[in-house]
Protein backbone atom coordinates (compact mmCIF):
# COMPACT_ATOMS: atom_id res chain seq x y z
CA MET A 1 8.88 21.75 -5.37
CA GLU A 2 7.21 21.32 -1.95
CA LYS A 3 8.70 17.81 -1.72
CA THR A 4 12.21 19.22 -2.29
CA ILE A 5 11.68 21.93 0.35
CA ASN A 6 10.48 19.35 2.88
CA GLN A 7 13.47 17.12 2.14
CA ASN A 8 15.89 20.02 2.50
CA ALA A 9 14.28 21.02 5.81
CA TRP A 10 14.59 17.45 7.12
CA ASN A 11 18.20 17.17 5.92
CA LYS A 12 19.04 20.49 7.59
CA LEU A 13 17.45 19.29 10.84
CA ALA A 14 19.36 16.00 10.61
CA SER A 15 22.65 17.81 10.13
CA GLU A 16 22.06 19.99 13.21
CA ASN A 17 20.70 17.39 15.66
CA ILE A 18 22.59 14.16 16.40
CA ALA A 19 19.44 12.29 17.50
CA ILE A 20 17.54 13.26 14.33
CA GLN A 21 20.61 12.37 12.29
CA PHE A 22 20.69 8.88 13.80
CA ILE A 23 16.97 8.37 13.05
CA ASP A 24 17.59 9.61 9.50
CA ILE A 25 20.41 7.09 8.98
CA VAL A 26 18.32 4.23 10.41
CA LEU A 27 15.49 5.07 7.99
CA ARG A 28 17.92 5.24 5.08
CA GLY A 29 19.41 1.89 6.17
CA CYS A 30 16.01 0.24 5.74
CA ALA A 31 15.49 1.98 2.38
CA GLN A 32 18.89 0.81 1.13
CA VAL A 33 17.63 -2.80 1.09
CA MET A 34 16.14 -1.73 -2.25
CA PHE A 35 18.96 0.72 -3.10
CA GLN A 36 17.20 3.93 -2.05
CA ASN A 37 18.96 6.71 -0.14
CA ASN A 38 15.77 8.32 1.11
CA ALA A 39 14.52 8.65 4.71
CA LEU A 40 10.83 8.86 3.71
CA THR A 41 11.20 5.66 1.68
CA GLY A 42 12.71 4.00 4.76
CA LEU A 43 9.82 5.21 6.93
CA LEU A 44 7.29 3.74 4.47
CA PHE A 45 9.27 0.50 4.40
CA PHE A 46 9.21 0.26 8.20
CA ILE A 47 5.46 0.97 8.22
CA ALA A 48 4.91 -1.79 5.66
CA ILE A 49 7.07 -4.24 7.63
CA PHE A 50 5.18 -3.55 10.88
CA ILE A 51 1.82 -3.95 9.09
CA GLY A 52 2.89 -7.18 7.39
CA ALA A 53 4.48 -8.66 10.51
CA PHE A 54 1.44 -7.96 12.68
CA LEU A 55 -0.96 -9.26 9.99
CA GLU A 56 1.01 -12.51 9.90
CA GLY A 57 1.03 -12.73 13.70
CA MET A 58 4.79 -12.25 13.90
CA PRO A 59 5.41 -8.86 15.55
CA GLN A 60 8.90 -10.06 16.50
CA VAL A 61 9.88 -9.77 12.82
CA ALA A 62 9.10 -6.04 12.77
CA LEU A 63 10.85 -5.44 16.08
CA GLY A 64 13.83 -7.52 14.92
CA CYS A 65 14.03 -5.46 11.73
CA LEU A 66 14.15 -2.22 13.72
CA LEU A 67 16.64 -3.63 16.23
CA GLY A 68 18.93 -4.99 13.51
CA THR A 69 19.01 -1.67 11.66
CA VAL A 70 19.66 0.32 14.85
CA VAL A 71 22.43 -2.00 16.07
CA ALA A 72 24.17 -2.08 12.67
CA THR A 73 23.96 1.72 12.39
CA LEU A 74 25.24 2.16 15.94
CA THR A 75 28.12 -0.23 15.19
CA ALA A 76 29.10 1.85 12.17
CA TYR A 77 28.89 5.03 14.26
CA ILE A 78 31.10 3.66 17.02
CA SER A 79 33.56 2.26 14.47
CA LYS A 80 33.83 5.71 12.85
CA LEU A 81 33.41 4.31 9.36
CA ASP A 82 33.22 6.31 6.14
CA THR A 83 30.86 9.21 6.93
CA GLU A 84 29.28 9.44 3.48
CA SER A 85 28.45 5.72 3.34
CA LEU A 86 27.26 5.77 6.95
CA ARG A 87 24.86 8.67 6.42
CA SER A 88 23.53 7.03 3.26
CA GLY A 89 22.50 3.99 5.29
CA LEU A 90 24.92 1.64 3.56
CA TYR A 91 26.02 0.00 6.80
CA GLY A 92 22.50 -0.54 8.10
CA TYR A 93 20.58 -2.48 5.47
CA ASN A 94 22.26 -5.86 6.02
CA GLY A 95 21.55 -5.61 9.75
CA CYS A 96 17.98 -4.70 8.85
CA LEU A 97 17.58 -7.96 6.90
CA VAL A 98 19.31 -10.01 9.61
CA GLY A 99 16.71 -8.64 12.02
CA VAL A 100 13.94 -9.79 9.70
CA ALA A 101 15.31 -13.25 8.90
CA LEU A 102 16.29 -14.61 12.31
CA PRO A 103 12.93 -14.16 14.09
CA THR A 104 11.20 -15.42 10.92
CA PHE A 105 12.96 -18.79 10.97
CA LEU A 106 13.91 -19.22 14.64
CA GLU A 107 11.87 -19.61 17.80
CA ASN A 108 11.19 -16.35 19.62
CA THR A 109 13.44 -16.69 22.67
CA PRO A 110 15.89 -14.34 24.45
CA PHE A 111 18.72 -16.17 22.70
CA VAL A 112 17.37 -15.18 19.29
CA TRP A 113 17.42 -11.49 20.25
CA LEU A 114 21.02 -11.85 21.31
CA THR A 115 21.84 -13.45 17.95
CA ILE A 116 20.11 -10.54 16.17
CA VAL A 117 22.40 -8.12 18.00
CA LEU A 118 25.45 -10.26 17.25
CA GLY A 119 24.44 -10.86 13.64
CA SER A 120 23.81 -7.14 13.04
CA ILE A 121 27.23 -6.23 14.41
CA VAL A 122 28.93 -8.92 12.33
CA SER A 123 26.97 -7.81 9.23
CA VAL A 124 28.81 -4.47 9.39
CA ILE A 125 32.16 -6.22 9.70
CA ALA A 126 31.22 -8.53 6.82
CA THR A 127 30.16 -5.53 4.74
CA ILE A 128 33.55 -3.85 5.22
CA SER A 129 35.38 -7.10 4.41
CA LEU A 130 33.39 -7.81 1.25
CA MET A 131 33.62 -4.19 0.08
CA ASP A 132 37.39 -4.40 0.35
CA PHE A 133 37.49 -7.80 -1.35
CA LEU A 134 35.18 -6.80 -4.22
CA LYS A 135 36.64 -3.37 -4.97
CA ASN A 136 38.96 -4.83 -7.62
CA TRP A 137 35.87 -5.91 -9.58
CA LYS A 138 34.08 -2.60 -8.93
CA VAL A 139 30.93 -4.26 -7.61
CA ALA A 140 29.06 -3.70 -4.36
CA ALA A 141 28.67 -6.18 -1.51
CA LEU A 142 24.89 -5.99 -2.00
CA THR A 143 23.07 -8.23 0.52
CA ALA A 144 25.82 -10.88 0.65
CA PRO A 145 26.82 -9.94 4.25
CA PHE A 146 23.24 -10.52 5.39
CA VAL A 147 23.06 -13.88 3.62
CA LEU A 148 26.39 -15.17 4.94
CA VAL A 149 25.73 -14.10 8.54
CA SER A 150 22.17 -15.45 8.50
CA TRP A 151 23.18 -18.77 6.90
CA ILE A 152 25.79 -19.35 9.60
CA ILE A 153 23.35 -18.61 12.43
CA LEU A 154 20.54 -20.67 10.87
CA LEU A 155 22.85 -23.64 10.30
CA ALA A 156 24.14 -23.33 13.86
CA SER A 157 20.56 -23.49 15.15
CA TYR A 158 20.53 -27.22 14.36
CA ASN A 159 23.22 -27.65 17.01
CA PHE A 160 21.88 -25.36 19.76
CA LEU A 161 18.61 -25.79 21.64
CA GLY A 162 18.62 -22.11 22.60
CA ILE A 163 18.10 -20.98 18.99
CA GLU A 164 15.84 -23.72 17.71
CA GLY A 165 14.45 -23.36 14.19
CA VAL A 166 10.67 -23.26 13.83
CA ALA A 167 10.14 -22.27 10.19
CA LEU A 168 13.26 -23.57 8.45
CA PRO A 169 12.84 -25.71 5.31
CA THR A 170 12.78 -29.43 6.04
CA PRO A 171 16.17 -30.95 5.10
CA ALA A 172 15.74 -33.42 2.23
CA LEU A 173 17.65 -34.87 -0.68
CA PRO A 174 17.07 -33.09 -4.02
CA LYS A 175 14.43 -34.64 -6.24
CA GLN A 176 12.90 -33.91 -9.62
CA LEU A 177 9.69 -31.90 -9.46
CA ILE A 178 7.01 -34.14 -10.96
CA GLU A 179 3.76 -32.59 -9.75
CA PRO A 180 2.04 -30.71 -12.58
CA ILE A 181 1.47 -27.02 -12.07
CA GLY A 182 -2.11 -25.98 -11.43
CA SER A 183 -4.03 -23.43 -13.44
CA ILE A 184 -3.17 -19.80 -12.64
CA PRO A 185 -6.24 -17.76 -11.62
CA HIS A 186 -6.12 -14.45 -13.49
CA SER A 187 -7.50 -12.67 -10.41
CA ASP A 188 -4.35 -13.62 -8.45
CA LEU A 189 -1.84 -12.10 -10.85
CA ILE A 190 -1.79 -8.58 -9.40
CA ALA A 191 -1.67 -9.88 -5.83
CA ASP A 192 1.12 -12.31 -6.70
CA ILE A 193 3.21 -9.55 -8.29
CA PHE A 194 3.06 -7.42 -5.14
CA ARG A 195 3.67 -10.47 -2.93
CA GLY A 196 6.91 -10.93 -4.85
CA VAL A 197 7.96 -7.39 -3.91
CA SER A 198 6.97 -7.90 -0.25
CA GLU A 199 9.03 -11.11 -0.02
CA VAL A 200 12.19 -9.00 -0.21
CA PHE A 201 11.57 -8.63 3.53
CA LEU A 202 10.28 -12.22 3.88
CA LEU A 203 6.63 -11.13 4.03
CA SER A 204 3.95 -12.40 1.65
CA SER A 205 1.32 -9.67 1.42
CA MET A 206 -0.16 -7.67 -1.44
CA VAL A 207 -0.77 -4.67 0.86
CA VAL A 208 2.85 -4.71 2.07
CA GLY A 209 4.11 -5.00 -1.50
CA ILE A 210 2.03 -2.01 -2.59
CA ILE A 211 3.42 0.13 0.25
CA PHE A 212 6.96 -0.93 -0.72
CA VAL A 213 6.33 0.16 -4.32
CA ILE A 214 4.93 3.49 -3.11
CA GLY A 215 8.04 3.92 -0.96
CA LEU A 216 10.23 3.24 -3.98
CA ALA A 217 8.26 5.70 -6.11
CA VAL A 218 8.82 8.44 -3.51
CA SER A 219 12.55 8.06 -4.07
CA SER A 220 12.72 6.83 -7.68
CA MET A 221 9.87 6.15 -10.09
CA TRP A 222 12.21 4.00 -12.17
CA ALA A 223 13.02 1.83 -9.15
CA ALA A 224 9.30 1.31 -8.53
CA ILE A 225 8.71 0.42 -12.18
CA PHE A 226 11.60 -2.04 -12.28
CA ALA A 227 10.48 -3.63 -8.99
CA VAL A 228 7.02 -4.40 -10.38
CA PHE A 229 8.50 -5.39 -13.74
CA GLY A 230 11.00 -7.77 -12.10
CA SER A 231 8.30 -9.45 -10.02
CA LEU A 232 6.00 -9.85 -13.04
CA LEU A 233 8.76 -11.22 -15.28
CA ALA A 234 9.90 -13.71 -12.62
CA PHE A 235 6.28 -14.84 -12.18
CA ILE A 236 5.93 -15.40 -15.92
CA VAL A 237 9.26 -17.25 -16.25
CA ALA A 238 8.65 -19.52 -13.24
CA THR A 239 5.14 -20.28 -14.49
CA PHE A 240 6.39 -20.98 -18.03
CA LEU A 241 9.02 -23.36 -16.60
CA LYS A 242 6.27 -25.09 -14.57
CA GLY A 243 7.76 -24.40 -11.17
CA ASP A 244 6.03 -25.17 -7.91
CA PHE A 245 2.88 -23.04 -7.96
CA ALA A 246 2.78 -22.51 -4.18
CA SER A 247 6.24 -20.94 -4.35
CA ILE A 248 5.30 -18.83 -7.37
CA HIS A 249 2.04 -17.71 -5.74
CA THR A 250 3.69 -16.53 -2.53
CA GLY A 251 6.44 -14.64 -4.38
CA LEU A 252 9.35 -16.92 -3.56
CA TYR A 253 10.55 -16.91 -7.17
CA SER A 254 10.17 -13.15 -7.48
CA PHE A 255 11.85 -11.34 -4.58
CA SER A 256 15.45 -11.83 -5.73
CA ALA A 257 14.38 -10.94 -9.26
CA VAL A 258 12.88 -7.70 -7.92
CA LEU A 259 16.25 -6.70 -6.47
CA THR A 260 18.10 -7.74 -9.64
CA ALA A 261 15.73 -5.65 -11.77
CA ILE A 262 16.20 -2.56 -9.59
CA ALA A 263 19.99 -3.04 -9.45
CA LEU A 264 20.55 -3.55 -13.17
CA GLY A 265 17.71 -1.34 -14.39
CA SER A 266 17.92 1.81 -12.33
CA THR A 267 20.63 1.72 -9.63
CA PHE A 268 23.87 0.86 -11.44
CA ASN A 269 22.67 1.91 -14.91
CA LYS A 270 20.57 4.75 -16.25
CA PRO A 271 17.32 3.39 -17.76
CA SER A 272 17.35 2.94 -21.53
CA TYR A 273 16.20 0.33 -24.04
CA ARG A 274 19.58 -1.35 -23.84
CA VAL A 275 19.48 -1.37 -20.05
CA VAL A 276 15.96 -2.84 -20.08
CA VAL A 277 17.16 -5.73 -22.24
CA TYR A 278 20.13 -6.27 -19.92
CA ALA A 279 17.81 -6.26 -16.90
CA ILE A 280 15.42 -8.72 -18.58
CA VAL A 281 18.24 -11.21 -19.15
CA GLY A 282 19.43 -10.70 -15.57
CA VAL A 283 15.97 -11.27 -14.10
CA ILE A 284 15.38 -14.43 -16.15
CA PHE A 285 18.75 -15.80 -15.06
CA THR A 286 17.95 -14.92 -11.43
CA VAL A 287 14.94 -17.25 -11.58
CA PHE A 288 17.24 -20.08 -12.70
CA VAL A 289 19.72 -19.26 -9.91
CA GLN A 290 16.80 -19.32 -7.46
CA GLY A 291 15.81 -22.80 -8.63
CA ALA A 292 19.40 -24.05 -8.49
CA LEU A 293 20.10 -22.70 -4.99
CA ASP A 294 16.81 -24.13 -3.71
CA ILE A 295 18.15 -27.56 -4.73
CA ILE A 296 21.68 -26.98 -3.45
CA LEU A 297 20.47 -25.86 -0.01
CA GLU A 298 17.64 -28.39 0.34
CA PRO A 299 19.79 -31.00 2.16
CA PHE A 300 20.97 -28.33 4.63
CA GLY A 301 17.49 -27.11 5.52
CA ILE A 302 18.20 -23.39 5.14
CA PRO A 303 16.54 -20.83 2.82
CA THR A 304 18.24 -19.18 -0.15
CA LEU A 305 17.43 -15.72 1.22
CA THR A 306 18.63 -13.11 -1.32
CA MET A 307 21.67 -15.04 -2.57
CA PRO A 308 20.14 -15.64 -6.05
CA PHE A 309 20.01 -11.87 -6.48
CA VAL A 310 23.57 -11.47 -5.19
CA LEU A 311 25.08 -14.09 -7.51
CA ALA A 312 23.13 -13.00 -10.59
CA SER A 313 23.86 -9.31 -10.00
CA TRP A 314 27.56 -9.88 -9.40
CA LEU A 315 27.71 -11.84 -12.65
CA PHE A 316 26.06 -9.00 -14.57
CA LEU A 317 27.74 -6.09 -12.79
CA VAL A 318 31.35 -7.21 -13.32
CA PRO A 319 31.12 -6.85 -17.15
CA ASN A 320 28.79 -3.86 -16.77
CA GLN A 321 31.73 -1.48 -17.27
CA ASP A 322 32.41 -2.97 -20.71
CA ILE A 323 28.88 -3.70 -21.93
CA MET A 324 27.20 -0.43 -20.97
CA PRO A 325 28.32 2.94 -22.46
CA LYS A 326 29.85 5.22 -19.82
CA HIS A 327 26.99 7.71 -19.97
CA ARG A 328 24.58 4.85 -19.18
CA GLN A 329 26.50 3.47 -16.17
């Protein structure tokens, strides 16, 4: 009851004060990376990102995240886009991720900050374009605008000294994985699950992952449950398939699966036994898409980002209207 009163008081304040309203939308933009329309969730996400970025010695990632969300939100404001979507943060989350990705993979120079501003602006344009293109299939753009904009900038970095890559994957021809997987320490399981959640924002930290889950629980307990469930299931599947243990351990097989689990399990469907089964199949397939895209992109030397989640979710959301009963959608 107290939580509802506090939320109503904040919402009332945001509706009366333009500055508070802008802060509210920025917070919701960060929260919408994991499908939550909640300012407190966004605040917890930002806190987690700043903690994780500073722990990893990359404060520019946290600052880039904030800058990207602010620029994308400001772009939507100036463009006078759909008010309901704007105030829900739906034009900010792709800019938020652009702001995380670029300083993660590129050298920290003034040029990179300019590309964050440019990329965040273009992410809003890309969001509008993809929303219009995908409306016939009744699916959302998800994080595809972020992926497309970031891929273009990261690929371009190979041709420009001003935005030189420092943490991009080494370009190489695809090869069969032949190194046997090591034994999995039982003590690492919990940490690895939360690392998978934290990797949604390209951070590999148990503490950050825990704060993200708490942030999700503030908005939706089901979203928090499906996030942990998706990370655990992806860990199990990748381990069973004998994937590269370093990638499994740091959560690189789990973060897209986390988003797929939340999307299919609690965002676009109401939780039920049938929905859980649907989400399980979607998460397992996401792990395969992750492995496939890792191979496809290896020669180009760019990361998959969240594209495995995007492709798997699109595939499962298009027939969602037919497979799921209307009261479950």
